[in-house]
Full PDB file with SEQRES, HELIX, SHEET, SSBOND, CRYST1, ORIGX, SCALE, CONECT and MASTER records, all heavy atoms in Angstrom:
SEQRES   1 A   38  SER LEU LYS LEU ALA GLU LEU ASN LEU ILE LYS GLU GLU          
SEQRES   2 A   38  THR GLY GLU ASP ALA ILE LEU LEU LEU ASP ASP VAL MET          
SEQRES   3 A   38  SER GLU LEU ASP ALA LYS ARG GLN GLU PHE LEU ILE              
HELIX    1 AA1 LEU A    2  THR A   14  1                                  13    
HELIX    2 AA2 MET A   26  GLU A   28  5                                   3    
HELIX    3 AA3 ALA A   31  LEU A   37  1                                   7    
CRYST1    1.000    1.000    1.000  90.00  90.00  90.00 P 1           1          
ORIGX1      1.000000  0.000000  0.000000        0.00000                         
ORIGX2      0.000000  1.000000  0.000000        0.00000                         
ORIGX3      0.000000  0.000000  1.000000        0.00000                         
SCALE1      1.000000  0.000000  0.000000        0.00000                         
SCALE2      0.000000  1.000000  0.000000        0.00000                         
SCALE3      0.000000  0.000000  1.000000        0.00000                         
ATOM      1  N   SER A   1       3.586  -5.935 -12.444  1.00  0.00           N  
ATOM      2  CA  SER A   1       4.096  -6.758 -11.333  1.00  0.00           C  
ATOM      3  C   SER A   1       5.459  -7.347 -11.699  1.00  0.00           C  
ATOM      4  O   SER A   1       6.381  -7.401 -10.873  1.00  0.00           O  
ATOM      5  CB  SER A   1       3.125  -7.891 -11.017  1.00  0.00           C  
ATOM      6  OG  SER A   1       1.870  -7.403 -10.636  1.00  0.00           O  
ATOM      7  N   LEU A   2       5.584  -7.778 -12.933  1.00  0.00           N  
ATOM      8  CA  LEU A   2       6.815  -8.400 -13.425  1.00  0.00           C  
ATOM      9  C   LEU A   2       7.980  -7.409 -13.384  1.00  0.00           C  
ATOM     10  O   LEU A   2       9.074  -7.729 -12.915  1.00  0.00           O  
ATOM     11  CB  LEU A   2       6.582  -8.886 -14.853  1.00  0.00           C  
ATOM     12  CG  LEU A   2       7.531  -9.904 -15.449  1.00  0.00           C  
ATOM     13  CD1 LEU A   2       7.487 -11.204 -14.662  1.00  0.00           C  
ATOM     14  CD2 LEU A   2       7.178 -10.154 -16.906  1.00  0.00           C  
ATOM     15  N   LYS A   3       7.733  -6.194 -13.866  1.00  0.00           N  
ATOM     16  CA  LYS A   3       8.799  -5.190 -13.911  1.00  0.00           C  
ATOM     17  C   LYS A   3       9.221  -4.749 -12.515  1.00  0.00           C  
ATOM     18  O   LYS A   3      10.420  -4.579 -12.242  1.00  0.00           O  
ATOM     19  CB  LYS A   3       8.333  -3.974 -14.725  1.00  0.00           C  
ATOM     20  CG  LYS A   3       8.399  -4.193 -16.217  1.00  0.00           C  
ATOM     21  CD  LYS A   3       9.844  -4.353 -16.651  1.00  0.00           C  
ATOM     22  CE  LYS A   3       9.959  -4.876 -18.059  1.00  0.00           C  
ATOM     23  NZ  LYS A   3      11.351  -5.006 -18.486  1.00  0.00           N  
ATOM     24  N   LEU A   4       8.251  -4.567 -11.628  1.00  0.00           N  
ATOM     25  CA  LEU A   4       8.593  -4.182 -10.257  1.00  0.00           C  
ATOM     26  C   LEU A   4       9.320  -5.323  -9.541  1.00  0.00           C  
ATOM     27  O   LEU A   4      10.206  -5.084  -8.725  1.00  0.00           O  
ATOM     28  CB  LEU A   4       7.329  -3.785  -9.492  1.00  0.00           C  
ATOM     29  CG  LEU A   4       6.634  -2.510  -9.999  1.00  0.00           C  
ATOM     30  CD1 LEU A   4       5.350  -2.250  -9.232  1.00  0.00           C  
ATOM     31  CD2 LEU A   4       7.561  -1.298  -9.902  1.00  0.00           C  
ATOM     32  N   ALA A   5       8.943  -6.559  -9.873  1.00  0.00           N  
ATOM     33  CA  ALA A   5       9.633  -7.716  -9.293  1.00  0.00           C  
ATOM     34  C   ALA A   5      11.095  -7.761  -9.738  1.00  0.00           C  
ATOM     35  O   ALA A   5      11.973  -8.157  -8.965  1.00  0.00           O  
ATOM     36  CB  ALA A   5       8.917  -9.008  -9.691  1.00  0.00           C  
ATOM     37  N   GLU A   6      11.357  -7.368 -10.980  1.00  0.00           N  
ATOM     38  CA  GLU A   6      12.741  -7.303 -11.466  1.00  0.00           C  
ATOM     39  C   GLU A   6      13.594  -6.411 -10.576  1.00  0.00           C  
ATOM     40  O   GLU A   6      14.712  -6.755 -10.193  1.00  0.00           O  
ATOM     41  CB  GLU A   6      12.783  -6.721 -12.878  1.00  0.00           C  
ATOM     42  CG  GLU A   6      12.438  -7.657 -13.988  1.00  0.00           C  
ATOM     43  CD  GLU A   6      12.555  -6.932 -15.306  1.00  0.00           C  
ATOM     44  OE1 GLU A   6      13.665  -6.461 -15.608  1.00  0.00           O  
ATOM     45  OE2 GLU A   6      11.554  -6.821 -16.012  1.00  0.00           O  
ATOM     46  N   LEU A   7      13.039  -5.227 -10.270  1.00  0.00           N  
ATOM     47  CA  LEU A   7      13.774  -4.289  -9.426  1.00  0.00           C  
ATOM     48  C   LEU A   7      14.057  -4.890  -8.052  1.00  0.00           C  
ATOM     49  O   LEU A   7      15.167  -4.786  -7.523  1.00  0.00           O  
ATOM     50  CB  LEU A   7      12.972  -2.991  -9.257  1.00  0.00           C  
ATOM     51  CG  LEU A   7      12.828  -2.118 -10.510  1.00  0.00           C  
ATOM     52  CD1 LEU A   7      11.821  -1.010 -10.264  1.00  0.00           C  
ATOM     53  CD2 LEU A   7      14.165  -1.512 -10.922  1.00  0.00           C  
ATOM     54  N   ASN A   8      13.044  -5.533  -7.469  1.00  0.00           N  
ATOM     55  CA  ASN A   8      13.219  -6.155  -6.155  1.00  0.00           C  
ATOM     56  C   ASN A   8      14.227  -7.294  -6.202  1.00  0.00           C  
ATOM     57  O   ASN A   8      15.007  -7.487  -5.273  1.00  0.00           O  
ATOM     58  CB  ASN A   8      11.877  -6.676  -5.635  1.00  0.00           C  
ATOM     59  CG  ASN A   8      10.943  -5.562  -5.200  1.00  0.00           C  
ATOM     60  OD1 ASN A   8      11.230  -4.391  -5.416  1.00  0.00           O  
ATOM     61  ND2 ASN A   8       9.819  -5.918  -4.608  1.00  0.00           N  
ATOM     62  N   LEU A   9      14.196  -8.054  -7.296  1.00  0.00           N  
ATOM     63  CA  LEU A   9      15.120  -9.175  -7.440  1.00  0.00           C  
ATOM     64  C   LEU A   9      16.557  -8.684  -7.585  1.00  0.00           C  
ATOM     65  O   LEU A   9      17.487  -9.275  -7.009  1.00  0.00           O  
ATOM     66  CB  LEU A   9      14.712 -10.038  -8.640  1.00  0.00           C  
ATOM     67  CG  LEU A   9      15.490 -11.334  -8.874  1.00  0.00           C  
ATOM     68  CD1 LEU A   9      15.520 -12.192  -7.618  1.00  0.00           C  
ATOM     69  CD2 LEU A   9      14.890 -12.120 -10.027  1.00  0.00           C  
ATOM     70  N   ILE A  10      16.749  -7.607  -8.334  1.00  0.00           N  
ATOM     71  CA  ILE A  10      18.086  -7.016  -8.456  1.00  0.00           C  
ATOM     72  C   ILE A  10      18.587  -6.573  -7.082  1.00  0.00           C  
ATOM     73  O   ILE A  10      19.744  -6.811  -6.712  1.00  0.00           O  
ATOM     74  CB  ILE A  10      18.080  -5.835  -9.452  1.00  0.00           C  
ATOM     75  CG1 ILE A  10      17.931  -6.358 -10.886  1.00  0.00           C  
ATOM     76  CG2 ILE A  10      19.359  -5.004  -9.333  1.00  0.00           C  
ATOM     77  CD1 ILE A  10      17.719  -5.281 -11.930  1.00  0.00           C  
ATOM     78  N   LYS A  11      17.697  -5.944  -6.301  1.00  0.00           N  
ATOM     79  CA  LYS A  11      18.057  -5.516  -4.945  1.00  0.00           C  
ATOM     80  C   LYS A  11      18.436  -6.724  -4.092  1.00  0.00           C  
ATOM     81  O   LYS A  11      19.420  -6.705  -3.346  1.00  0.00           O  
ATOM     82  CB  LYS A  11      16.865  -4.774  -4.328  1.00  0.00           C  
ATOM     83  CG  LYS A  11      17.051  -4.353  -2.870  1.00  0.00           C  
ATOM     84  CD  LYS A  11      17.983  -3.171  -2.743  1.00  0.00           C  
ATOM     85  CE  LYS A  11      17.973  -2.640  -1.322  1.00  0.00           C  
ATOM     86  NZ  LYS A  11      18.931  -1.532  -1.139  1.00  0.00           N  
ATOM     87  N   GLU A  12      17.665  -7.805  -4.226  1.00  0.00           N  
ATOM     88  CA  GLU A  12      17.900  -9.031  -3.448  1.00  0.00           C  
ATOM     89  C   GLU A  12      19.227  -9.676  -3.828  1.00  0.00           C  
ATOM     90  O   GLU A  12      19.966 -10.149  -2.969  1.00  0.00           O  
ATOM     91  CB  GLU A  12      16.747 -10.008  -3.728  1.00  0.00           C  
ATOM     92  CG  GLU A  12      16.461 -10.989  -2.621  1.00  0.00           C  
ATOM     93  CD  GLU A  12      15.220 -11.824  -2.920  1.00  0.00           C  
ATOM     94  OE1 GLU A  12      15.357 -12.838  -3.635  1.00  0.00           O  
ATOM     95  OE2 GLU A  12      14.132 -11.473  -2.439  1.00  0.00           O  
ATOM     96  N   GLU A  13      19.526  -9.696  -5.126  1.00  0.00           N  
ATOM     97  CA  GLU A  13      20.717 -10.392  -5.624  1.00  0.00           C  
ATOM     98  C   GLU A  13      21.994  -9.574  -5.475  1.00  0.00           C  
ATOM     99  O   GLU A  13      23.070 -10.129  -5.277  1.00  0.00           O  
ATOM    100  CB  GLU A  13      20.524 -10.764  -7.095  1.00  0.00           C  
ATOM    101  CG  GLU A  13      19.428 -11.791  -7.357  1.00  0.00           C  
ATOM    102  CD  GLU A  13      19.815 -13.190  -6.942  1.00  0.00           C  
ATOM    103  OE1 GLU A  13      20.937 -13.619  -7.250  1.00  0.00           O  
ATOM    104  OE2 GLU A  13      18.986 -13.855  -6.299  1.00  0.00           O  
ATOM    105  N   THR A  14      21.881  -8.255  -5.615  1.00  0.00           N  
ATOM    106  CA  THR A  14      23.087  -7.407  -5.667  1.00  0.00           C  
ATOM    107  C   THR A  14      23.186  -6.397  -4.533  1.00  0.00           C  
ATOM    108  O   THR A  14      24.245  -5.802  -4.332  1.00  0.00           O  
ATOM    109  CB  THR A  14      23.138  -6.628  -6.996  1.00  0.00           C  
ATOM    110  OG1 THR A  14      22.102  -5.637  -7.008  1.00  0.00           O  
ATOM    111  CG2 THR A  14      22.959  -7.559  -8.192  1.00  0.00           C  
ATOM    112  N   GLY A  15      22.081  -6.159  -3.829  1.00  0.00           N  
ATOM    113  CA  GLY A  15      22.070  -5.121  -2.800  1.00  0.00           C  
ATOM    114  C   GLY A  15      21.884  -3.724  -3.349  1.00  0.00           C  
ATOM    115  O   GLY A  15      21.890  -2.745  -2.605  1.00  0.00           O  
ATOM    116  N   GLU A  16      21.694  -3.598  -4.684  1.00  0.00           N  
ATOM    117  CA  GLU A  16      21.580  -2.296  -5.338  1.00  0.00           C  
ATOM    118  C   GLU A  16      20.117  -1.939  -5.646  1.00  0.00           C  
ATOM    119  O   GLU A  16      19.332  -2.805  -6.025  1.00  0.00           O  
ATOM    120  CB  GLU A  16      22.358  -2.283  -6.654  1.00  0.00           C  
ATOM    121  CG  GLU A  16      23.857  -2.371  -6.499  1.00  0.00           C  
ATOM    122  CD  GLU A  16      24.457  -1.126  -5.885  1.00  0.00           C  
ATOM    123  OE1 GLU A  16      23.897  -0.034  -6.070  1.00  0.00           O  
ATOM    124  OE2 GLU A  16      25.495  -1.254  -5.211  1.00  0.00           O  
ATOM    125  N   ASP A  17      19.782  -0.657  -5.467  1.00  0.00           N  
ATOM    126  CA  ASP A  17      18.508  -0.132  -5.966  1.00  0.00           C  
ATOM    127  C   ASP A  17      18.714   0.229  -7.433  1.00  0.00           C  
ATOM    128  O   ASP A  17      19.359   1.227  -7.752  1.00  0.00           O  
ATOM    129  CB  ASP A  17      18.079   1.111  -5.175  1.00  0.00           C  
ATOM    130  CG  ASP A  17      17.597   0.760  -3.774  1.00  0.00           C  
ATOM    131  OD1 ASP A  17      16.732  -0.128  -3.669  1.00  0.00           O  
ATOM    132  OD2 ASP A  17      18.082   1.357  -2.802  1.00  0.00           O  
ATOM    133  N   ALA A  18      18.197  -0.588  -8.325  1.00  0.00           N  
ATOM    134  CA  ALA A  18      18.405  -0.355  -9.752  1.00  0.00           C  
ATOM    135  C   ALA A  18      17.686   0.909 -10.213  1.00  0.00           C  
ATOM    136  O   ALA A  18      16.723   1.364  -9.599  1.00  0.00           O  
ATOM    137  CB  ALA A  18      17.916  -1.557 -10.556  1.00  0.00           C  
ATOM    138  N   ILE A  19      18.162   1.452 -11.318  1.00  0.00           N  
ATOM    139  CA  ILE A  19      17.553   2.626 -11.946  1.00  0.00           C  
ATOM    140  C   ILE A  19      16.443   2.146 -12.869  1.00  0.00           C  
ATOM    141  O   ILE A  19      16.620   1.169 -13.595  1.00  0.00           O  
ATOM    142  CB  ILE A  19      18.630   3.400 -12.735  1.00  0.00           C  
ATOM    143  CG1 ILE A  19      19.709   3.919 -11.772  1.00  0.00           C  
ATOM    144  CG2 ILE A  19      18.017   4.542 -13.544  1.00  0.00           C  
ATOM    145  CD1 ILE A  19      21.052   4.115 -12.413  1.00  0.00           C  
ATOM    146  N   LEU A  20      15.294   2.832 -12.849  1.00  0.00           N  
ATOM    147  CA  LEU A  20      14.169   2.431 -13.697  1.00  0.00           C  
ATOM    148  C   LEU A  20      13.956   3.456 -14.799  1.00  0.00           C  
ATOM    149  O   LEU A  20      13.825   4.662 -14.537  1.00  0.00           O  
ATOM    150  CB  LEU A  20      12.887   2.292 -12.874  1.00  0.00           C  
ATOM    151  CG  LEU A  20      11.640   1.848 -13.659  1.00  0.00           C  
ATOM    152  CD1 LEU A  20      11.846   0.489 -14.307  1.00  0.00           C  
ATOM    153  CD2 LEU A  20      10.412   1.813 -12.755  1.00  0.00           C  
ATOM    154  N   LEU A  21      13.920   2.962 -16.032  1.00  0.00           N  
ATOM    155  CA  LEU A  21      13.642   3.788 -17.199  1.00  0.00           C  
ATOM    156  C   LEU A  21      12.215   3.497 -17.659  1.00  0.00           C  
ATOM    157  O   LEU A  21      11.926   2.389 -18.100  1.00  0.00           O  
ATOM    158  CB  LEU A  21      14.626   3.456 -18.334  1.00  0.00           C  
ATOM    159  CG  LEU A  21      16.113   3.401 -17.967  1.00  0.00           C  
ATOM    160  CD1 LEU A  21      16.934   2.948 -19.177  1.00  0.00           C  
ATOM    161  CD2 LEU A  21      16.612   4.736 -17.456  1.00  0.00           C  
ATOM    162  N   LEU A  22      11.328   4.467 -17.516  1.00  0.00           N  
ATOM    163  CA  LEU A  22       9.928   4.313 -17.935  1.00  0.00           C  
ATOM    164  C   LEU A  22       9.754   5.051 -19.251  1.00  0.00           C  
ATOM    165  O   LEU A  22       9.686   6.279 -19.293  1.00  0.00           O  
ATOM    166  CB  LEU A  22       8.984   4.899 -16.877  1.00  0.00           C  
ATOM    167  CG  LEU A  22       8.929   4.174 -15.528  1.00  0.00           C  
ATOM    168  CD1 LEU A  22       8.228   5.028 -14.494  1.00  0.00           C  
ATOM    169  CD2 LEU A  22       8.229   2.848 -15.668  1.00  0.00           C  
ATOM    170  N   ASP A  23       9.707   4.295 -20.336  1.00  0.00           N  
ATOM    171  CA  ASP A  23       9.667   4.900 -21.666  1.00  0.00           C  
ATOM    172  C   ASP A  23       8.233   5.003 -22.173  1.00  0.00           C  
ATOM    173  O   ASP A  23       7.684   4.029 -22.704  1.00  0.00           O  
ATOM    174  CB  ASP A  23      10.522   4.091 -22.637  1.00  0.00           C  
ATOM    175  CG  ASP A  23      10.587   4.726 -24.015  1.00  0.00           C  
ATOM    176  OD1 ASP A  23      10.429   5.961 -24.105  1.00  0.00           O  
ATOM    177  OD2 ASP A  23      10.774   3.993 -24.997  1.00  0.00           O  
ATOM    178  N   ASP A  24       7.635   6.175 -22.001  1.00  0.00           N  
ATOM    179  CA  ASP A  24       6.308   6.463 -22.551  1.00  0.00           C  
ATOM    180  C   ASP A  24       5.262   5.444 -22.092  1.00  0.00           C  
ATOM    181  O   ASP A  24       4.368   5.071 -22.841  1.00  0.00           O  
ATOM    182  CB  ASP A  24       6.378   6.487 -24.088  1.00  0.00           C  
ATOM    183  CG  ASP A  24       5.251   7.325 -24.694  1.00  0.00           C  
ATOM    184  OD1 ASP A  24       4.724   8.204 -23.991  1.00  0.00           O  
ATOM    185  OD2 ASP A  24       4.899   7.084 -25.855  1.00  0.00           O  
ATOM    186  N   VAL A  25       5.403   5.005 -20.836  1.00  0.00           N  
ATOM    187  CA  VAL A  25       4.506   3.959 -20.342  1.00  0.00           C  
ATOM    188  C   VAL A  25       3.411   4.516 -19.430  1.00  0.00           C  
ATOM    189  O   VAL A  25       2.381   3.871 -19.216  1.00  0.00           O  
ATOM    190  CB  VAL A  25       5.323   2.855 -19.624  1.00  0.00           C  
ATOM    191  CG1 VAL A  25       5.672   3.257 -18.202  1.00  0.00           C  
ATOM    192  CG2 VAL A  25       4.606   1.533 -19.655  1.00  0.00           C  
ATOM    193  N   MET A  26       3.621   5.730 -18.880  1.00  0.00           N  
ATOM    194  CA  MET A  26       2.650   6.270 -17.921  1.00  0.00           C  
ATOM    195  C   MET A  26       1.265   6.443 -18.547  1.00  0.00           C  
ATOM    196  O   MET A  26       0.249   6.163 -17.913  1.00  0.00           O  
ATOM    197  CB  MET A  26       3.141   7.602 -17.349  1.00  0.00           C  
ATOM    198  CG  MET A  26       4.414   7.495 -16.531  1.00  0.00           C  
ATOM    199  SD  MET A  26       4.247   6.464 -15.063  1.00  0.00           S  
ATOM    200  CE  MET A  26       3.627   7.663 -13.901  1.00  0.00           C  
ATOM    201  N   SER A  27       1.236   6.894 -19.786  1.00  0.00           N  
ATOM    202  CA  SER A  27      -0.050   7.124 -20.452  1.00  0.00           C  
ATOM    203  C   SER A  27      -0.799   5.821 -20.721  1.00  0.00           C  
ATOM    204  O   SER A  27      -2.004   5.828 -20.967  1.00  0.00           O  
ATOM    205  CB  SER A  27       0.151   7.881 -21.770  1.00  0.00           C  
ATOM    206  OG  SER A  27       0.971   7.125 -22.640  1.00  0.00           O  
ATOM    207  N   GLU A  28      -0.067   4.689 -20.670  1.00  0.00           N  
ATOM    208  CA  GLU A  28      -0.688   3.389 -20.916  1.00  0.00           C  
ATOM    209  C   GLU A  28      -1.305   2.788 -19.647  1.00  0.00           C  
ATOM    210  O   GLU A  28      -2.016   1.790 -19.710  1.00  0.00           O  
ATOM    211  CB  GLU A  28       0.364   2.410 -21.462  1.00  0.00           C  
ATOM    212  CG  GLU A  28       1.048   2.857 -22.733  1.00  0.00           C  
ATOM    213  CD  GLU A  28       0.174   2.669 -23.970  1.00  0.00           C  
ATOM    214  OE1 GLU A  28      -0.763   1.864 -23.916  1.00  0.00           O  
ATOM    215  OE2 GLU A  28       0.432   3.348 -24.979  1.00  0.00           O  
ATOM    216  N   LEU A  29      -0.981   3.397 -18.478  1.00  0.00           N  
ATOM    217  CA  LEU A  29      -1.486   2.881 -17.210  1.00  0.00           C  
ATOM    218  C   LEU A  29      -2.573   3.797 -16.665  1.00  0.00           C  
ATOM    219  O   LEU A  29      -2.493   5.021 -16.812  1.00  0.00           O  
ATOM    220  CB  LEU A  29      -0.345   2.795 -16.187  1.00  0.00           C  
ATOM    221  CG  LEU A  29       0.837   1.888 -16.545  1.00  0.00           C  
ATOM    222  CD1 LEU A  29       1.949   2.053 -15.527  1.00  0.00           C  
ATOM    223  CD2 LEU A  29       0.409   0.428 -16.638  1.00  0.00           C  
ATOM    224  N   ASP A  30      -3.577   3.225 -16.005  1.00  0.00           N  
ATOM    225  CA  ASP A  30      -4.610   4.066 -15.397  1.00  0.00           C  
ATOM    226  C   ASP A  30      -4.073   4.723 -14.132  1.00  0.00           C  
ATOM    227  O   ASP A  30      -2.968   4.407 -13.666  1.00  0.00           O  
ATOM    228  CB  ASP A  30      -5.883   3.252 -15.116  1.00  0.00           C  
ATOM    229  CG  ASP A  30      -5.648   2.090 -14.157  1.00  0.00           C  
ATOM    230  OD1 ASP A  30      -4.698   2.155 -13.354  1.00  0.00           O  
ATOM    231  OD2 ASP A  30      -6.411   1.111 -14.212  1.00  0.00           O  
ATOM    232  N   ALA A  31      -4.843   5.654 -13.556  1.00  0.00           N  
ATOM    233  CA  ALA A  31      -4.377   6.458 -12.421  1.00  0.00           C  
ATOM    234  C   ALA A  31      -3.979   5.590 -11.228  1.00  0.00           C  
ATOM    235  O   ALA A  31      -2.984   5.869 -10.545  1.00  0.00           O  
ATOM    236  CB  ALA A  31      -5.458   7.457 -12.022  1.00  0.00           C  
ATOM    237  N   LYS A  32      -4.725   4.515 -11.003  1.00  0.00           N  
ATOM    238  CA  LYS A  32      -4.445   3.626  -9.870  1.00  0.00           C  
ATOM    239  C   LYS A  32      -3.079   2.973 -10.018  1.00  0.00           C  
ATOM    240  O   LYS A  32      -2.279   2.920  -9.071  1.00  0.00           O  
ATOM    241  CB  LYS A  32      -5.540   2.560  -9.783  1.00  0.00           C  
ATOM    242  CG  LYS A  32      -5.311   1.506  -8.711  1.00  0.00           C  
ATOM    243  CD  LYS A  32      -6.360   0.404  -8.831  1.00  0.00           C  
ATOM    244  CE  LYS A  32      -6.010  -0.785  -7.959  1.00  0.00           C  
ATOM    245  NZ  LYS A  32      -6.942  -1.912  -8.150  1.00  0.00           N  
ATOM    246  N   ARG A  33      -2.785   2.467 -11.215  1.00  0.00           N  
ATOM    247  CA  ARG A  33      -1.503   1.799 -11.437  1.00  0.00           C  
ATOM    248  C   ARG A  33      -0.356   2.811 -11.468  1.00  0.00           C  
ATOM    249  O   ARG A  33       0.747   2.516 -11.014  1.00  0.00           O  
ATOM    250  CB  ARG A  33      -1.550   0.984 -12.734  1.00  0.00           C  
ATOM    251  CG  ARG A  33      -2.472  -0.240 -12.632  1.00  0.00           C  
ATOM    252  CD  ARG A  33      -2.564  -0.991 -13.953  1.00  0.00           C  
ATOM    253  NE  ARG A  33      -3.416  -2.165 -13.864  1.00  0.00           N  
ATOM    254  CZ  ARG A  33      -4.732  -2.167 -13.997  1.00  0.00           C  
ATOM    255  NH1 ARG A  33      -5.373  -1.018 -14.229  1.00  0.00           N  
ATOM    256  NH2 ARG A  33      -5.422  -3.273 -13.901  1.00  0.00           N  
ATOM    257  N   GLN A  34      -0.604   4.004 -12.012  1.00  0.00           N  
ATOM    258  CA  GLN A  34       0.414   5.061 -11.987  1.00  0.00           C  
ATOM    259  C   GLN A  34       0.790   5.406 -10.547  1.00  0.00           C  
ATOM    260  O   GLN A  34       1.982   5.520 -10.215  1.00  0.00           O  
ATOM    261  CB  GLN A  34      -0.101   6.317 -12.692  1.00  0.00           C  
ATOM    262  CG  GLN A  34      -0.179   6.213 -14.198  1.00  0.00           C  
ATOM    263  CD  GLN A  34      -0.603   7.522 -14.840  1.00  0.00           C  
ATOM    264  OE1 GLN A  34      -0.527   8.580 -14.226  1.00  0.00           O  
ATOM    265  NE2 GLN A  34      -1.064   7.460 -16.073  1.00  0.00           N  
ATOM    266  N   GLU A  35      -0.220   5.568  -9.712  1.00  0.00           N  
ATOM    267  CA  GLU A  35       0.023   5.942  -8.314  1.00  0.00           C  
ATOM    268  C   GLU A  35       0.793   4.838  -7.590  1.00  0.00           C  
ATOM    269  O   GLU A  35       1.728   5.110  -6.830  1.00  0.00           O  
ATOM    270  CB  GLU A  35      -1.310   6.204  -7.610  1.00  0.00           C  
ATOM    271  CG  GLU A  35      -1.149   6.747  -6.195  1.00  0.00           C  
ATOM    272  CD  GLU A  35      -2.482   7.086  -5.549  1.00  0.00           C  
ATOM    273  OE1 GLU A  35      -3.500   7.195  -6.260  1.00  0.00           O  
ATOM    274  OE2 GLU A  35      -2.496   7.250  -4.322  1.00  0.00           O  
ATOM    275  N   PHE A  36       0.404   3.577  -7.833  1.00  0.00           N  
ATOM    276  CA  PHE A  36       1.102   2.452  -7.203  1.00  0.00           C  
ATOM    277  C   PHE A  36       2.564   2.439  -7.621  1.00  0.00           C  
ATOM    278  O   PHE A  36       3.458   2.220  -6.800  1.00  0.00           O  
ATOM    279  CB  PHE A  36       0.423   1.140  -7.595  1.00  0.00           C  
ATOM    280  CG  PHE A  36       0.994  -0.062  -6.895  1.00  0.00           C  
ATOM    281  CD1 PHE A  36       0.493  -0.478  -5.681  1.00  0.00           C  
ATOM    282  CD2 PHE A  36       2.052  -0.770  -7.450  1.00  0.00           C  
ATOM    283  CE1 PHE A  36       1.025  -1.587  -5.023  1.00  0.00           C  
ATOM    284  CE2 PHE A  36       2.599  -1.874  -6.807  1.00  0.00           C  
ATOM    285  CZ  PHE A  36       2.075  -2.284  -5.588  1.00  0.00           C  
ATOM    286  N   LEU A  37       2.801   2.694  -8.893  1.00  0.00           N  
ATOM    287  CA  LEU A  37       4.161   2.701  -9.442  1.00  0.00           C  
ATOM    288  C   LEU A  37       5.018   3.763  -8.758  1.00  0.00           C  
ATOM    289  O   LEU A  37       6.119   3.472  -8.269  1.00  0.00           O  
ATOM    290  CB  LEU A  37       4.090   2.964 -10.949  1.00  0.00           C  
ATOM    291  CG  LEU A  37       5.346   2.786 -11.786  1.00  0.00           C  
ATOM    292  CD1 LEU A  37       5.862   1.370 -11.716  1.00  0.00           C  
ATOM    293  CD2 LEU A  37       5.082   3.174 -13.223  1.00  0.00           C  
ATOM    294  N   ILE A  38       4.521   4.986  -8.704  1.00  0.00           N  
ATOM    295  CA  ILE A  38       5.278   6.089  -8.115  1.00  0.00           C  
ATOM    296  C   ILE A  38       5.538   5.842  -6.633  1.00  0.00           C  
ATOM    297  O   ILE A  38       6.657   6.036  -6.139  1.00  0.00           O  
ATOM    298  CB  ILE A  38       4.524   7.432  -8.305  1.00  0.00           C  
ATOM    299  CG1 ILE A  38       4.409   7.780  -9.796  1.00  0.00           C  
ATOM    300  CG2 ILE A  38       5.207   8.555  -7.535  1.00  0.00           C  
ATOM    301  CD1 ILE A  38       5.716   8.032 -10.500  1.00  0.00           C  
TER     302      ILE A  38                                                      
MASTER        0    0    0    3    0    0    0    6  301    1    0    3          
END                                                                             
């Protein structure tokens, strides 16, 4: 939630869709959270 909020906050503050770097994190999330993320 925190990381996705960062992206939204950047959009709110700058008008930009920030680039997200997911470093070996998908395997740490279950299928439900992976799907929500994508």
